[in-house]
Amino acid sequence: MSEKTEWELVEPPQPRHEGGRYHHGSHGATQQDGAPQATHFLQAMLGRWWQLKLLGAGIAAVVAFALLIMIGGVLVLTISIAAVTSFGIARLVAWLRGKQIGRKTYPVAQGRNPWQQ
């Protein structure tokens, strides 16, 4: 019968430094405040040049947000110009109608039809 041996990788014990929190070796990088765990996770997820990929995604997000702001600004500007133009046209029409009514040369009596003078 042949026996299969199980291999286990055992790392040598790491030296402890009393003065600081800095540790040498692979365990020292994973035991600090959780930040290196995030970097290892991102590197595993994104692969090679993960920092440049994150930078590109950030730049794309900023550009998309700027475009959204610009489109919103153009819409607000267009709607406000349309509202001011509509208000101006309404005032002009009311002014022109007032001018036409004011051109009558005969006085209009209260309660009488102007055609029955």
C-alpha atoms as a PDB file:
ATOM      1  CA  MET A   1       0.000   0.000   0.000  1.00  0.00           C
ATOM      2  CA  SER A   2       1.103   3.472  -0.708  1.00  0.00           C
ATOM      3  CA  GLU A   3       0.605   6.210   1.808  1.00  0.00           C
ATOM      4  CA  LYS A   4      -0.145   9.753   0.802  1.00  0.00           C
ATOM      5  CA  THR A   5       1.510  12.321   2.918  1.00  0.00           C
ATOM      6  CA  GLU A   6      -0.237  15.581   3.729  1.00  0.00           C
ATOM      7  CA  TRP A   7       1.971  18.593   3.484  1.00  0.00           C
ATOM      8  CA  GLU A   8       1.536  21.613   5.631  1.00  0.00           C
ATOM      9  CA  LEU A   9       3.427  24.840   5.210  1.00  0.00           C
ATOM     10  CA  VAL A  10       4.647  26.193   8.491  1.00  0.00           C
ATOM     11  CA  GLU A  11       6.207  29.612   8.665  1.00  0.00           C
ATOM     12  CA  PRO A  12       8.973  30.282  11.105  1.00  0.00           C
ATOM     13  CA  PRO A  13       7.988  32.361  14.155  1.00  0.00           C
ATOM     14  CA  GLN A  14       8.272  36.086  13.620  1.00  0.00           C
ATOM     15  CA  PRO A  15      10.504  38.175  15.899  1.00  0.00           C
ATOM     16  CA  ARG A  16       8.574  40.520  18.181  1.00  0.00           C
ATOM     17  CA  HIS A  17       9.576  44.156  18.443  1.00  0.00           C
ATOM     18  CA  GLU A  18       8.535  45.708  21.692  1.00  0.00           C
ATOM     19  CA  GLY A  19       8.858  49.335  20.535  1.00  0.00           C
ATOM     20  CA  GLY A  20       6.452  49.558  17.613  1.00  0.00           C
ATOM     21  CA  ARG A  21       3.664  47.920  15.726  1.00  0.00           C
ATOM     22  CA  TYR A  22       5.784  47.158  12.648  1.00  0.00           C
ATOM     23  CA  HIS A  23       6.332  43.451  11.966  1.00  0.00           C
ATOM     24  CA  HIS A  24       8.511  41.799   9.362  1.00  0.00           C
ATOM     25  CA  GLY A  25       7.186  39.062   7.118  1.00  0.00           C
ATOM     26  CA  SER A  26       3.831  38.217   5.627  1.00  0.00           C
ATOM     27  CA  HIS A  27       1.911  38.083   8.907  1.00  0.00           C
ATOM     28  CA  GLY A  28       3.004  41.574   9.862  1.00  0.00           C
ATOM     29  CA  ALA A  29       1.382  43.069   6.778  1.00  0.00           C
ATOM     30  CA  THR A  30      -1.982  41.403   7.431  1.00  0.00           C
ATOM     31  CA  GLN A  31      -2.178  42.240  11.128  1.00  0.00           C
ATOM     32  CA  GLN A  32      -2.013  46.041  10.830  1.00  0.00           C
ATOM     33  CA  ASP A  33      -5.306  47.947  11.209  1.00  0.00           C
ATOM     34  CA  GLY A  34      -7.088  46.159   8.320  1.00  0.00           C
ATOM     35  CA  ALA A  35      -5.805  48.485   5.569  1.00  0.00           C
ATOM     36  CA  PRO A  36      -3.383  45.950   4.066  1.00  0.00           C
ATOM     37  CA  GLN A  37      -6.186  43.383   3.988  1.00  0.00           C
ATOM     38  CA  ALA A  38      -8.180  45.736   1.790  1.00  0.00           C
ATOM     39  CA  THR A  39      -5.224  46.258  -0.535  1.00  0.00           C
ATOM     40  CA  HIS A  40      -4.650  42.510  -0.805  1.00  0.00           C
ATOM     41  CA  PHE A  41      -8.358  42.028  -1.509  1.00  0.00           C
ATOM     42  CA  LEU A  42      -8.373  44.706  -4.206  1.00  0.00           C
ATOM     43  CA  GLN A  43      -5.219  43.320  -5.754  1.00  0.00           C
ATOM     44  CA  ALA A  44      -6.738  39.836  -5.842  1.00  0.00           C
ATOM     45  CA  MET A  45     -10.011  41.109  -7.322  1.00  0.00           C
ATOM     46  CA  LEU A  46      -8.643  43.530  -9.913  1.00  0.00           C
ATOM     47  CA  GLY A  47      -5.403  41.848 -10.844  1.00  0.00           C
ATOM     48  CA  ARG A  48      -2.383  43.545 -12.296  1.00  0.00           C
ATOM     49  CA  TRP A  49      -2.227  47.359 -12.146  1.00  0.00           C
ATOM     50  CA  TRP A  50      -5.195  47.468  -9.769  1.00  0.00           C
ATOM     51  CA  GLN A  51      -4.313  50.962  -8.577  1.00  0.00           C
ATOM     52  CA  LEU A  52      -4.496  52.370 -12.105  1.00  0.00           C
ATOM     53  CA  LYS A  53      -7.815  50.607 -12.622  1.00  0.00           C
ATOM     54  CA  LEU A  54      -9.192  52.241  -9.468  1.00  0.00           C
ATOM     55  CA  LEU A  55      -7.860  55.605 -10.609  1.00  0.00           C
ATOM     56  CA  GLY A  56      -9.527  55.180 -14.012  1.00  0.00           C
ATOM     57  CA  ALA A  57     -12.839  54.205 -12.408  1.00  0.00           C
ATOM     58  CA  GLY A  58     -12.647  57.269 -10.156  1.00  0.00           C
ATOM     59  CA  ILE A  59     -11.924  59.586 -13.083  1.00  0.00           C
ATOM     60  CA  ALA A  60     -14.794  58.043 -15.064  1.00  0.00           C
ATOM     61  CA  ALA A  61     -17.139  58.587 -12.103  1.00  0.00           C
ATOM     62  CA  VAL A  62     -16.086  62.240 -11.780  1.00  0.00           C
ATOM     63  CA  VAL A  63     -16.562  62.833 -15.523  1.00  0.00           C
ATOM     64  CA  ALA A  64     -19.988  61.147 -15.457  1.00  0.00           C
ATOM     65  CA  PHE A  65     -21.033  63.294 -12.484  1.00  0.00           C
ATOM     66  CA  ALA A  66     -19.825  66.450 -14.242  1.00  0.00           C
ATOM     67  CA  LEU A  67     -21.803  65.512 -17.374  1.00  0.00           C
ATOM     68  CA  LEU A  68     -24.897  64.901 -15.258  1.00  0.00           C
ATOM     69  CA  ILE A  69     -24.505  68.318 -13.637  1.00  0.00           C
ATOM     70  CA  MET A  70     -24.024  69.977 -17.043  1.00  0.00           C
ATOM     71  CA  ILE A  71     -27.092  68.280 -18.553  1.00  0.00           C
ATOM     72  CA  GLY A  72     -29.137  69.323 -15.522  1.00  0.00           C
ATOM     73  CA  GLY A  73     -27.892  72.893 -15.875  1.00  0.00           C
ATOM     74  CA  VAL A  74     -28.793  72.996 -19.550  1.00  0.00           C
ATOM     75  CA  LEU A  75     -32.286  71.693 -18.756  1.00  0.00           C
ATOM     76  CA  VAL A  76     -32.800  74.311 -16.039  1.00  0.00           C
ATOM     77  CA  LEU A  77     -31.538  77.046 -18.352  1.00  0.00           C
ATOM     78  CA  THR A  78     -33.781  75.898 -21.211  1.00  0.00           C
ATOM     79  CA  ILE A  79     -36.863  75.713 -19.002  1.00  0.00           C
ATOM     80  CA  SER A  80     -36.206  79.147 -17.497  1.00  0.00           C
ATOM     81  CA  ILE A  81     -35.673  80.722 -20.946  1.00  0.00           C
ATOM     82  CA  ALA A  82     -38.920  79.130 -22.171  1.00  0.00           C
ATOM     83  CA  ALA A  83     -40.778  80.447 -19.105  1.00  0.00           C
ATOM     84  CA  VAL A  84     -39.426  83.985 -19.517  1.00  0.00           C
ATOM     85  CA  THR A  85     -40.245  83.956 -23.247  1.00  0.00           C
ATOM     86  CA  SER A  86     -43.759  82.680 -22.577  1.00  0.00           C
ATOM     87  CA  PHE A  87     -44.305  85.343 -19.918  1.00  0.00           C
ATOM     88  CA  GLY A  88     -43.012  88.032 -22.281  1.00  0.00           C
ATOM     89  CA  ILE A  89     -45.269  86.891 -25.113  1.00  0.00           C
ATOM     90  CA  ALA A  90     -48.278  86.844 -22.763  1.00  0.00           C
ATOM     91  CA  ARG A  91     -47.498  90.389 -21.615  1.00  0.00           C
ATOM     92  CA  LEU A  92     -47.070  91.542 -25.212  1.00  0.00           C
ATOM     93  CA  VAL A  93     -50.383  90.008 -26.249  1.00  0.00           C
ATOM     94  CA  ALA A  94     -52.132  91.611 -23.283  1.00  0.00           C
ATOM     95  CA  TRP A  95     -50.553  94.981 -24.102  1.00  0.00           C
ATOM     96  CA  LEU A  96     -51.582  94.737 -27.767  1.00  0.00           C
ATOM     97  CA  ARG A  97     -55.151  93.827 -26.811  1.00  0.00           C
ATOM     98  CA  GLY A  98     -55.243  96.798 -24.463  1.00  0.00           C
ATOM     99  CA  LYS A  99     -54.099  99.065 -27.289  1.00  0.00           C
ATOM    100  CA  GLN A 100     -56.874  97.790 -29.590  1.00  0.00           C
ATOM    101  CA  ILE A 101     -59.566  98.368 -26.977  1.00  0.00           C
ATOM    102  CA  GLY A 102     -58.221 101.865 -26.330  1.00  0.00           C
ATOM    103  CA  ARG A 103     -58.575 102.877 -30.022  1.00  0.00           C
ATOM    104  CA  LYS A 104     -62.364 103.123 -29.864  1.00  0.00           C
ATOM    105  CA  THR A 105     -63.315 106.764 -30.335  1.00  0.00           C
ATOM    106  CA  TYR A 106     -66.808 106.674 -28.914  1.00  0.00           C
ATOM    107  CA  PRO A 107     -67.503 106.527 -25.181  1.00  0.00           C
ATOM    108  CA  VAL A 108     -69.073 103.377 -23.869  1.00  0.00           C
ATOM    109  CA  ALA A 109     -71.906 103.933 -21.418  1.00  0.00           C
ATOM    110  CA  GLN A 110     -72.362 101.696 -18.446  1.00  0.00           C
ATOM    111  CA  GLY A 111     -74.992  99.028 -19.034  1.00  0.00           C
ATOM    112  CA  ARG A 112     -75.702  99.950 -22.685  1.00  0.00           C
ATOM    113  CA  ASN A 113     -74.675  98.137 -25.800  1.00  0.00           C
ATOM    114  CA  PRO A 114     -72.287 100.322 -27.846  1.00  0.00           C
ATOM    115  CA  TRP A 115     -74.189  99.541 -31.065  1.00  0.00           C
ATOM    116  CA  GLN A 116     -77.406 101.107 -29.739  1.00  0.00           C
ATOM    117  CA  GLN A 117     -76.332 104.747 -29.509  1.00  0.00           C
END
